[in-house]
Protein backbone atom coordinates (compact mmCIF):
# COMPACT_ATOMS: atom_id res chain seq x y z
CA UNK A 1 0.00 0.00 0.00
CA UNK A 2 2.72 2.35 1.02
CA UNK A 3 4.63 1.30 -2.09
CA UNK A 4 1.68 2.04 -4.40
CA UNK A 5 1.10 5.40 -2.74
CA UNK A 6 4.72 6.29 -3.21
CA UNK A 7 4.61 5.44 -6.92
CA UNK A 8 1.45 7.53 -7.45
CA UNK A 9 2.96 10.50 -5.65
CA UNK A 10 6.08 10.28 -7.82
CA UNK A 11 4.01 10.20 -11.02
CA UNK A 12 1.97 13.20 -9.92
CA UNK A 13 5.16 15.12 -9.10
CA UNK A 14 6.70 14.31 -12.48
CA UNK A 15 3.58 15.39 -14.40
CA UNK A 16 3.27 18.61 -12.41
CA UNK A 17 6.92 19.47 -13.01
CA UNK A 18 6.56 18.79 -16.77
CA UNK A 19 3.52 21.04 -17.04
CA UNK A 20 5.25 23.83 -15.15
CA UNK A 21 8.32 23.53 -17.39
CA UNK A 22 6.18 23.63 -20.52
CA UNK A 23 4.28 26.70 -19.34
CA UNK A 24 7.52 28.47 -18.49
CA UNK A 25 9.01 27.70 -21.91
CA UNK A 26 5.94 29.00 -23.70
CA UNK A 27 5.85 32.21 -21.71
CA UNK A 28 9.55 32.75 -22.23
CA UNK A 29 9.22 32.32 -26.00
CA UNK A 30 6.37 34.80 -26.16
CA UNK A 31 8.40 37.42 -24.35
CA UNK A 32 11.76 36.99 -26.05
CA UNK A 33 10.95 36.00 -29.69
CA UNK A 34 9.26 38.74 -31.86
CA UNK A 35 6.91 37.77 -34.75
CA UNK A 36 8.54 37.71 -38.21
CA UNK A 37 7.78 40.56 -40.66
CA UNK A 38 8.89 40.64 -44.30
CA UNK A 39 10.93 43.79 -45.15
CA UNK A 40 9.14 46.54 -47.22
CA UNK A 41 9.96 46.18 -50.93
CA UNK A 42 11.39 49.35 -52.45
CA UNK A 43 12.31 49.71 -56.12
CA UNK A 44 13.25 52.40 -58.61
CA UNK A 45 10.42 53.57 -60.85
CA UNK A 46 9.42 56.37 -63.21
CA UNK A 47 6.26 58.16 -64.35
CA UNK A 48 5.96 59.75 -67.82
CA UNK A 49 3.27 62.29 -68.59
CA UNK A 50 2.24 65.80 -69.61
CA UNK A 51 2.09 68.54 -67.00
CA UNK A 52 -1.57 69.46 -66.54
CA UNK A 53 -0.95 71.86 -63.66
CA UNK A 54 1.81 72.74 -61.23
CA UNK A 55 1.40 74.78 -58.05
CA UNK A 56 4.75 76.48 -57.54
CA UNK A 57 3.63 77.50 -54.06
CA UNK A 58 2.48 74.10 -52.76
CA UNK A 59 4.74 72.06 -55.12
CA UNK A 60 1.81 69.90 -56.20
CA UNK A 61 2.32 68.46 -59.69
CA UNK A 62 -0.53 66.98 -61.74
CA UNK A 63 0.40 64.75 -64.68
CA UNK A 64 -1.61 63.04 -67.38
CA UNK A 65 -0.01 59.77 -68.47
CA UNK A 66 -0.16 58.37 -72.03
CA UNK A 67 -2.86 55.96 -70.87
CA UNK A 68 -5.03 58.89 -69.73
CA UNK A 69 -4.46 58.32 -66.01
CA UNK A 70 -4.04 61.37 -63.75
CA UNK A 71 -1.13 61.36 -61.28
CA UNK A 72 -0.83 63.85 -58.41
CA UNK A 73 2.66 64.19 -56.90
CA UNK A 74 3.97 66.19 -53.96
CA UNK A 75 7.46 67.35 -54.90
CA UNK A 76 10.29 67.94 -52.41
CA UNK A 77 11.60 71.52 -52.66
CA UNK A 78 15.17 70.32 -53.37
CA UNK A 79 14.13 68.22 -56.36
CA UNK A 80 16.25 68.80 -59.48
CA UNK A 81 14.92 69.35 -63.01
CA UNK A 82 16.98 68.55 -66.11
CA UNK A 83 15.98 70.51 -69.24
CA UNK A 84 16.39 69.29 -72.83
CA UNK A 85 20.05 70.38 -72.77
CA UNK A 86 20.63 68.39 -69.53
CA UNK A 87 21.09 71.61 -67.58
CA UNK A 88 19.85 71.73 -63.99
CA UNK A 89 16.84 73.99 -63.48
CA UNK A 90 14.70 74.88 -60.42
CA UNK A 91 11.21 73.51 -60.05
CA UNK A 92 9.82 76.88 -61.17
CA UNK A 93 11.07 76.00 -64.68
CA UNK A 94 8.19 73.54 -65.14
CA UNK A 95 5.24 74.76 -67.21
CA UNK A 96 1.89 73.34 -68.28
CA UNK A 97 2.24 71.32 -71.45
CA UNK A 98 5.76 70.04 -70.68
CA UNK A 99 6.20 66.32 -71.24
CA UNK A 100 8.38 64.98 -68.42
CA UNK A 101 9.80 61.82 -66.90
CA UNK A 102 9.76 61.65 -63.09
CA UNK A 103 12.26 59.21 -61.65
CA UNK A 104 11.85 58.05 -58.08
CA UNK A 105 11.39 55.24 -55.58
CA UNK A 106 8.12 53.36 -55.38
CA UNK A 107 6.87 51.39 -52.42
CA UNK A 108 3.59 49.59 -51.92
CA UNK A 109 1.66 52.77 -51.10
CA UNK A 110 3.74 55.75 -52.22
CA UNK A 111 6.07 57.22 -54.86
CA UNK A 112 8.93 59.49 -53.84
CA UNK A 113 10.22 61.68 -56.72
CA UNK A 114 14.01 61.90 -57.01
CA UNK A 115 14.61 63.60 -60.39
CA UNK A 116 12.59 65.21 -63.20
CA UNK A 117 13.71 65.07 -66.82
CA UNK A 118 12.04 67.30 -69.42
CA UNK A 119 11.60 65.25 -72.61
CA UNK A 120 9.45 67.67 -74.63
CA UNK A 121 8.81 71.42 -74.49
CA UNK A 122 5.76 72.55 -76.55
CA UNK A 123 6.38 75.40 -78.99
CA UNK A 124 2.85 76.69 -78.52
CA UNK A 125 0.33 76.40 -75.72
CA UNK A 126 -3.24 77.70 -75.91
CA UNK A 127 -4.85 79.24 -72.82
CA UNK A 128 -8.04 80.29 -74.66
CA UNK A 129 -10.28 79.03 -76.12
CA UNK A 130 -10.40 75.92 -73.97
CA UNK A 131 -11.72 72.54 -75.06
CA UNK A 132 -15.46 72.64 -75.75
CA UNK A 133 -15.76 76.45 -75.68
CA UNK A 134 -18.37 78.26 -77.79
CA UNK A 135 -16.88 80.79 -80.21
CA UNK A 136 -18.26 83.24 -82.81
CA UNK A 137 -17.11 85.28 -85.81
CA UNK A 138 -14.30 87.10 -83.97
CA UNK A 139 -12.16 84.55 -82.18
CA UNK A 140 -9.64 85.64 -79.57
CA UNK A 141 -6.61 83.37 -79.29
CA UNK A 142 -4.52 83.66 -76.13
CA UNK A 143 -1.56 81.54 -75.19
CA UNK A 144 2.21 81.11 -74.93
CA UNK A 145 4.84 80.37 -77.51
CA UNK A 146 8.58 79.80 -77.54
CA UNK A 147 10.46 83.01 -78.28
CA UNK A 148 11.74 81.67 -81.60
CA UNK A 149 8.21 80.72 -82.71
CA UNK A 150 6.67 83.77 -84.40
CA UNK A 151 4.34 82.31 -87.03
CA UNK A 152 2.05 79.28 -87.05
CA UNK A 153 -0.44 77.72 -89.44
CA UNK A 154 -4.08 78.11 -88.42
CA UNK A 155 -6.55 75.50 -89.65
CA UNK A 156 -10.29 75.24 -89.00
CA UNK A 157 -12.06 71.99 -89.84
CA UNK A 158 -15.68 70.91 -89.89
CA UNK A 159 -15.40 67.18 -89.53
CA UNK A 160 -12.71 66.31 -92.07
CA UNK A 161 -13.46 69.31 -94.32
CA UNK A 162 -10.94 72.15 -94.19
CA UNK A 163 -12.91 75.44 -94.12
CA UNK A 164 -10.09 77.88 -93.25
CA UNK A 165 -6.32 77.84 -93.63
CA UNK A 166 -3.97 80.77 -93.11
CA UNK A 167 -0.56 81.69 -91.78
CA UNK A 168 -0.86 83.51 -88.47
CA UNK A 169 1.72 85.98 -87.18
CA UNK A 170 1.54 85.68 -83.38
CA UNK A 171 1.24 89.04 -81.62
CA UNK A 172 3.68 89.30 -78.72
CA UNK A 173 2.06 91.02 -75.72
CA UNK A 174 4.83 90.36 -73.17
CA UNK A 175 7.73 88.10 -72.22
CA UNK A 176 7.34 85.54 -69.40
CA UNK A 177 10.27 86.18 -67.00
CA UNK A 178 12.57 83.23 -66.33
CA UNK A 179 11.19 81.17 -69.23
CA UNK A 180 11.73 80.73 -72.96
CA UNK A 181 8.13 81.79 -73.61
CA UNK A 182 6.20 84.94 -74.47
CA UNK A 183 2.47 85.65 -74.26
CA UNK A 184 0.49 86.13 -77.48
CA UNK A 185 -2.98 87.39 -78.26
CA UNK A 186 -4.63 87.41 -81.71
CA UNK A 187 -8.12 88.17 -82.98
CA UNK A 188 -9.20 86.01 -85.93
CA UNK A 189 -12.13 86.57 -88.30
CA UNK A 190 -14.27 83.46 -88.86
CA UNK A 191 -17.06 84.46 -91.27
CA UNK A 192 -18.73 81.05 -91.54
CA UNK A 193 -22.27 82.32 -92.08
CA UNK A 194 -23.50 79.18 -93.82
CA UNK A 195 -22.75 76.93 -90.85
CA UNK A 196 -25.72 75.94 -88.66
CA UNK A 197 -25.70 77.36 -85.14
CA UNK A 198 -23.43 75.53 -82.67
CA UNK A 199 -21.64 73.55 -85.37
CA UNK A 200 -18.77 71.46 -83.93
CA UNK A 201 -15.44 72.59 -85.42
CA UNK A 202 -11.78 71.80 -84.77
CA UNK A 203 -9.12 74.48 -84.43
CA UNK A 204 -5.52 73.46 -85.11
CA UNK A 205 -2.32 75.44 -84.62
CA UNK A 206 0.80 74.03 -86.31
CA UNK A 207 4.38 75.17 -85.86
CA UNK A 208 7.53 73.59 -87.30
CA UNK A 209 7.74 70.97 -84.54
CA UNK A 210 4.45 71.11 -82.72
CA UNK A 211 0.69 70.85 -83.23
CA UNK A 212 -2.30 71.29 -80.96
CA UNK A 213 -6.02 70.77 -81.50
CA UNK A 214 -9.01 72.29 -79.72
CA UNK A 215 -12.60 71.12 -80.22
CA UNK A 216 -15.07 74.02 -80.26
CA UNK A 217 -18.66 75.02 -81.02
CA UNK A 218 -19.34 77.81 -83.56
CA UNK A 219 -22.24 80.26 -83.25
CA UNK A 220 -23.01 83.28 -85.47
CA UNK A 221 -23.62 86.44 -83.42
CA UNK A 222 -23.53 89.16 -86.10
CA UNK A 223 -20.11 90.51 -85.15
CA UNK A 224 -18.94 90.87 -88.77
CA UNK A 225 -20.38 92.62 -91.84
CA UNK A 226 -19.61 92.26 -95.54
CA UNK A 227 -18.22 95.09 -97.62
CA UNK A 228 -19.20 94.43 -101.26
CA UNK A 229 -17.98 96.96 -103.81
CA UNK A 230 -18.88 95.95 -107.38
CA UNK A 231 -16.95 98.90 -108.82
CA UNK A 232 -13.75 97.64 -107.21
CA UNK A 233 -14.84 94.01 -107.79
CA UNK A 234 -14.01 93.02 -104.22
CA UNK A 235 -15.65 91.88 -101.02
CA UNK A 236 -14.34 91.28 -97.49
CA UNK A 237 -15.58 91.29 -93.91
CA UNK A 238 -15.03 93.89 -91.19
CA UNK A 239 -16.27 94.38 -87.58
CA UNK A 240 -19.94 95.34 -87.56
CA UNK A 241 -19.41 98.13 -85.04
CA UNK A 242 -17.24 100.10 -87.48
CA UNK A 243 -19.13 102.98 -89.11
CA UNK A 244 -18.65 104.69 -92.47
CA UNK A 245 -16.75 107.99 -92.58
CA UNK A 246 -18.01 109.91 -95.59
CA UNK A 247 -15.37 112.64 -95.23
CA UNK A 248 -12.92 110.35 -97.07
CA UNK A 249 -15.15 110.03 -100.13
CA UNK A 250 -16.53 107.12 -102.12
CA UNK A 251 -15.62 104.75 -104.90
CA UNK A 252 -18.58 103.38 -106.81
CA UNK A 253 -21.00 105.22 -104.52
CA UNK A 254 -19.72 103.29 -101.49
CA UNK A 255 -17.66 104.83 -98.67
CA UNK A 256 -13.96 103.98 -98.83
CA UNK A 257 -13.36 104.26 -95.07
CA UNK A 258 -15.01 102.62 -92.07
CA UNK A 259 -13.74 103.08 -88.54
CA UNK A 260 -14.37 102.18 -84.90
CA UNK A 261 -12.77 102.53 -81.49
CA UNK A 262 -10.32 99.70 -82.13
CA UNK A 263 -9.46 100.14 -85.80
CA UNK A 264 -10.37 101.17 -89.34
CA UNK A 265 -10.06 100.26 -93.00
CA UNK A 266 -9.55 102.54 -95.98
CA UNK A 267 -9.45 101.76 -99.70
CA UNK A 268 -7.64 103.50 -102.54
CA UNK A 269 -6.42 102.82 -106.09
CA UNK A 270 -3.05 103.37 -107.70
CA UNK A 271 -0.87 102.54 -110.65
CA UNK A 272 -0.20 103.87 -114.11
CA UNK A 273 0.65 101.31 -116.78
CA UNK A 274 4.41 101.66 -116.29
CA UNK A 275 4.45 101.43 -112.47
CA UNK A 276 5.27 98.14 -110.74
CA UNK A 277 4.05 96.92 -107.36
CA UNK A 278 7.37 97.77 -105.70
CA UNK A 279 6.98 101.43 -106.68
CA UNK A 280 3.52 101.46 -105.12
CA UNK A 281 4.92 100.01 -101.88
CA UNK A 282 7.68 102.64 -101.81
CA UNK A 283 5.13 105.41 -102.32
CA UNK A 284 3.08 104.12 -99.36
CA UNK A 285 5.95 103.62 -96.91
CA UNK A 286 8.67 106.14 -97.81
CA UNK A 287 7.16 109.30 -96.32
CA UNK A 288 4.66 107.90 -93.83
CA UNK A 289 5.89 107.50 -90.21
CA UNK A 290 3.05 105.05 -89.52
CA UNK A 291 4.95 102.56 -91.71
CA UNK A 292 8.23 102.96 -89.85
CA UNK A 293 10.35 99.78 -89.95
CA UNK A 294 7.74 98.20 -92.19
CA UNK A 295 8.08 94.54 -93.13
CA UNK A 296 6.84 93.40 -96.53
CA UNK A 297 5.84 89.84 -97.39
CA UNK A 298 4.08 88.04 -100.22
CA UNK A 299 0.34 87.59 -99.91
CA UNK A 300 -1.73 85.75 -102.49
CA UNK A 301 -5.47 85.82 -101.72
CA UNK A 302 -7.34 83.55 -104.11
CA UNK A 303 -4.25 83.37 -106.33
CA UNK A 304 -3.97 87.14 -106.87
CA UNK A 305 -0.51 88.65 -106.66
CA UNK A 306 -0.16 90.89 -103.64
CA UNK A 307 2.08 92.26 -100.92
CA UNK A 308 1.32 92.70 -97.24
CA UNK A 309 2.98 95.65 -95.49
CA UNK A 310 3.23 95.59 -91.69
CA UNK A 311 4.31 98.85 -90.07
CA UNK A 312 4.32 99.96 -86.46
CA UNK A 313 1.04 101.87 -86.63
CA UNK A 314 -0.47 100.84 -89.98
CA UNK A 315 -0.69 97.84 -92.23
CA UNK A 316 -1.59 97.65 -95.91
CA UNK A 317 -2.46 95.11 -98.57
CA UNK A 318 -1.45 95.95 -102.15
CA UNK A 319 -3.13 93.79 -104.80
CA UNK A 320 -2.67 93.82 -108.55
CA UNK A 321 -5.68 93.53 -110.84
CA UNK A 322 -5.23 90.94 -113.59
CA UNK A 323 -6.89 93.43 -115.95
CA UNK A 324 -6.58 97.17 -115.15
CA UNK A 325 -9.70 98.58 -113.55
CA UNK A 326 -11.48 101.38 -115.42
CA UNK A 327 -13.42 104.00 -113.48
CA UNK A 328 -14.73 107.06 -115.32
CA UNK A 329 -12.17 106.78 -118.08
CA UNK A 330 -9.15 106.24 -115.81
CA UNK A 331 -7.33 102.94 -115.45
CA UNK A 332 -5.88 101.50 -112.24
CA UNK A 333 -3.66 98.45 -111.74
CA UNK A 334 -3.46 98.27 -107.95
CA UNK A 335 -5.92 98.13 -105.07
CA UNK A 336 -4.67 99.34 -101.68
CA UNK A 337 -6.41 98.29 -98.45
CA UNK A 338 -5.09 99.96 -95.28
CA UNK A 339 -5.88 99.20 -91.64
CA UNK A 340 -4.18 98.79 -88.27
CA UNK A 341 -1.41 96.17 -87.93
CA UNK A 342 -3.77 94.12 -85.73
CA UNK A 343 -6.56 94.00 -88.33
CA UNK A 344 -4.92 94.12 -91.75
CA UNK A 345 -4.26 90.37 -92.00
CA UNK A 346 -7.83 89.56 -90.93
CA UNK A 347 -9.31 91.88 -93.54
CA UNK A 348 -6.87 90.66 -96.19
CA UNK A 349 -7.49 86.98 -95.45
CA UNK A 350 -11.24 87.38 -96.14
CA UNK A 351 -10.84 89.56 -99.24
CA UNK A 352 -11.97 88.01 -102.50
CA UNK A 353 -12.18 89.39 -105.98
CA UNK A 354 -15.68 89.02 -107.33
CA UNK A 355 -16.49 85.33 -107.52
CA UNK A 356 -20.12 85.91 -108.42
CA UNK A 357 -21.14 85.46 -112.07
CA UNK A 358 -21.29 88.46 -114.36
CA UNK A 359 -24.79 89.45 -115.46
CA UNK A 360 -26.02 92.15 -117.81
CA UNK A 361 -28.14 95.01 -116.51
CA UNK A 362 -29.66 98.06 -118.13
CA UNK A 363 -28.96 101.62 -117.00
CA UNK A 364 -31.08 104.48 -118.28
CA UNK A 365 -29.74 107.93 -119.20
CA UNK A 366 -30.77 110.92 -121.29
CA UNK A 367 -29.20 111.29 -124.77
CA UNK A 368 -28.94 114.60 -126.63
CA UNK A 369 -28.12 112.86 -129.93
CA UNK A 370 -31.03 110.40 -129.87
CA UNK A 371 -33.36 113.08 -128.41
CA UNK A 372 -32.19 116.49 -129.69
CA UNK A 373 -35.10 118.27 -128.01
CA UNK A 374 -34.14 116.60 -124.71
CA UNK A 375 -37.62 115.61 -123.63
CA UNK A 376 -37.68 115.57 -119.83
CA UNK A 377 -38.99 112.04 -119.35
CA UNK A 378 -37.31 110.39 -122.33
CA UNK A 379 -34.49 108.01 -121.38
CA UNK A 380 -32.40 105.44 -123.26
CA UNK A 381 -30.78 102.29 -121.98
CA UNK A 382 -27.14 101.26 -122.01
CA UNK A 383 -26.03 97.75 -121.20
CA UNK A 384 -23.50 97.08 -118.48
CA UNK A 385 -22.02 93.95 -116.91
CA UNK A 386 -22.07 93.62 -113.13
CA UNK A 387 -21.25 90.89 -110.63
CA UNK A 388 -24.34 89.21 -109.29
CA UNK A 389 -23.96 89.72 -105.56
CA UNK A 390 -27.04 89.39 -103.31
CA UNK A 391 -27.12 93.22 -103.44
CA UNK A 392 -27.55 93.23 -107.24
CA UNK A 393 -30.43 95.75 -107.39
CA UNK A 394 -28.73 98.19 -105.02
CA UNK A 395 -25.42 97.78 -106.85
CA UNK A 396 -27.15 98.54 -110.17
CA UNK A 397 -28.60 101.72 -108.68
CA UNK A 398 -25.11 102.70 -107.45
CA UNK A 399 -23.78 102.30 -110.99
CA UNK A 400 -26.54 104.56 -112.24
CA UNK A 401 -25.58 107.27 -109.73
CA UNK A 402 -21.98 107.09 -111.01
CA UNK A 403 -23.25 108.34 -114.36
CA UNK A 404 -22.26 107.36 -117.92
CA UNK A 405 -18.72 106.27 -118.82
CA UNK A 406 -16.48 108.48 -120.96
CA UNK A 407 -17.28 106.30 -123.98
CA UNK A 408 -21.01 106.63 -123.33
CA UNK A 409 -20.66 110.40 -122.98
CA UNK A 410 -19.03 110.50 -126.42
CA UNK A 411 -22.15 108.75 -127.72
CA UNK A 412 -24.39 111.50 -126.32
CA UNK A 413 -25.49 109.97 -123.02
CA UNK A 414 -25.87 112.19 -119.95
CA UNK A 415 -27.43 111.92 -116.49
CA UNK A 416 -30.02 114.22 -114.94
CA UNK A 417 -28.91 113.05 -111.50
CA UNK A 418 -26.40 115.58 -110.15
CA UNK A 419 -22.85 114.26 -109.79
CA UNK A 420 -21.65 113.27 -106.29
CA UNK A 421 -25.18 112.28 -105.28
CA UNK A 422 -25.29 109.67 -102.49
CA UNK A 423 -27.63 106.75 -101.88
CA UNK A 424 -28.69 107.20 -98.24
CA UNK A 425 -31.30 104.48 -97.97
CA UNK A 426 -32.67 101.65 -100.11
CA UNK A 427 -35.11 98.86 -99.41
CA UNK A 428 -37.74 96.78 -101.19
CA UNK A 429 -40.91 96.27 -99.21
CA UNK A 430 -43.69 94.12 -100.71
CA UNK A 431 -42.58 94.96 -104.25
CA UNK A 432 -42.14 98.66 -103.53
CA UNK A 433 -38.61 100.09 -103.86
CA UNK A 434 -38.14 102.94 -101.38
CA UNK A 435 -35.14 105.14 -102.14
CA UNK A 436 -33.56 108.13 -100.41
CA UNK A 437 -30.89 110.06 -102.33
CA UNK A 438 -28.85 113.01 -101.14
CA UNK A 439 -28.19 115.28 -104.11
CA UNK A 440 -24.67 116.41 -104.90
CA UNK A 441 -26.17 119.73 -105.98
CA UNK A 442 -29.77 121.01 -106.39
CA UNK A 443 -31.73 120.43 -109.60
CA UNK A 444 -31.51 123.48 -111.87
CA UNK A 445 -35.11 123.01 -113.06
CA UNK A 446 -38.08 120.67 -112.74
CA UNK A 447 -37.26 118.97 -116.04
CA UNK A 448 -34.01 117.66 -114.53
CA UNK A 449 -35.92 116.24 -111.58
CA UNK A 450 -38.43 114.49 -113.86
CA UNK A 451 -35.59 113.07 -115.93
CA UNK A 452 -33.76 111.81 -112.81
CA UNK A 453 -36.92 110.13 -111.52
CA UNK A 454 -37.46 108.45 -114.93
CA UNK A 455 -33.84 107.21 -115.03
CA UNK A 456 -34.14 105.62 -111.58
CA UNK A 457 -37.61 104.16 -112.14
CA UNK A 458 -36.76 102.64 -115.53
CA UNK A 459 -33.52 101.15 -114.19
CA UNK A 460 -35.22 99.52 -111.19
CA UNK A 461 -38.32 98.27 -112.99
CA UNK A 462 -36.23 95.80 -115.02
CA UNK A 463 -36.06 93.60 -111.88
CA UNK A 464 -39.06 91.31 -111.20
CA UNK A 465 -38.82 92.07 -107.47
CA UNK A 466 -39.72 95.74 -108.12
CA UNK A 467 -43.32 96.66 -108.96
CA UNK A 468 -43.34 100.27 -107.78
CA UNK A 469 -40.73 102.93 -107.04
CA UNK A 470 -40.85 105.74 -104.46
CA UNK A 471 -38.00 108.29 -104.57
CA UNK A 472 -37.10 111.02 -102.11
CA UNK A 473 -34.43 113.56 -103.05
CA UNK A 474 -32.70 115.41 -100.22
CA UNK A 475 -30.78 118.60 -100.92
CA UNK A 476 -27.56 119.30 -99.05
């Protein structure tokens, strides 16, 4: 019994000691042996993209990657930038539009920039209009360009159809300190009157090494007007707010000068048969301080030979007629269009020589050979050719006010309408032509007035749109 008890006591002691030893070992391991953690994986990496924005104050850089993903990076202030020439630049060198490569260290949850390499510097960058903007007939372009980039190609497309193409001289409005860029601002005429409202168009600017595209919406707002002069055989657009200045005279019964707060245009003719275009340019620029340091370049609107003169205060377009222009027995070879340097290229780029078809119209005059007694109301027609613009009836009336040509005068034709008379108002309302004419001088007798009324009425009644004529003469 005592032997059995002793054996049981020994077994209990051994088991208790084993359990205590095991518990001690476990507790010791928990205290002394930390849990295993894999080291954080760090590796070199890089991000390539275009600078969308960069806050030089907060050093926050936003990039757009080639895949279209947006990356936002916080840059350390000591970060170095290498330009295209591998020269070290400060962070302030970065500009929107730069294509860069950011080298750094990437971990599981962060990217630490270590170096920025510039891999492309855009020649041109457009601040306005922005993508999706709505524009109208006068488009303001604002942006930045490299200092060596002075001229770009401007293209406007509707779908795949090219509707405007011209070389654009960028107007420098100020250098950007500490950069290779300058600010430019240009106003462009876009007279696309046949386009439906809010037509989607694409604007492209192309330099020697760069190109950018902006997708826009076009809406007509009546900011431009057409100047159609059948006597000069030209048409072009100008800002609608400009008003005629009659003090400068007329050609073909139309004012030759319009002006506004921001500019003007003025037309004139020049050129005897033995004078070349260079002589005309010298005559314009030699004694006029507005053309100081003028630059002259070729300009060929619609295939016509011309020269564009850009001075400090004025600009001019000199165009040569393919066939000398005859006005009242005098012949002219050159058309001169003058404006401000800011507007001359816009006016010139829209100028076209008459593209409308020629049609024959009848003008009515008195004739002392065919009617020796000079009956007051007796008139005789002469046939003329005129370009069929939408203003055909008004243009025909303007030709009548100009009077007979020198050849017609030799054949006995004369006009009862005093010379230098001006067409003040003209409209056709429900078949009735309503006309207001300011006389160059008073009628000498009633017979002259009757003859003038008959000339005008007979000339206008040839058109089916006119059923009745009402004329008001105003004396100066």
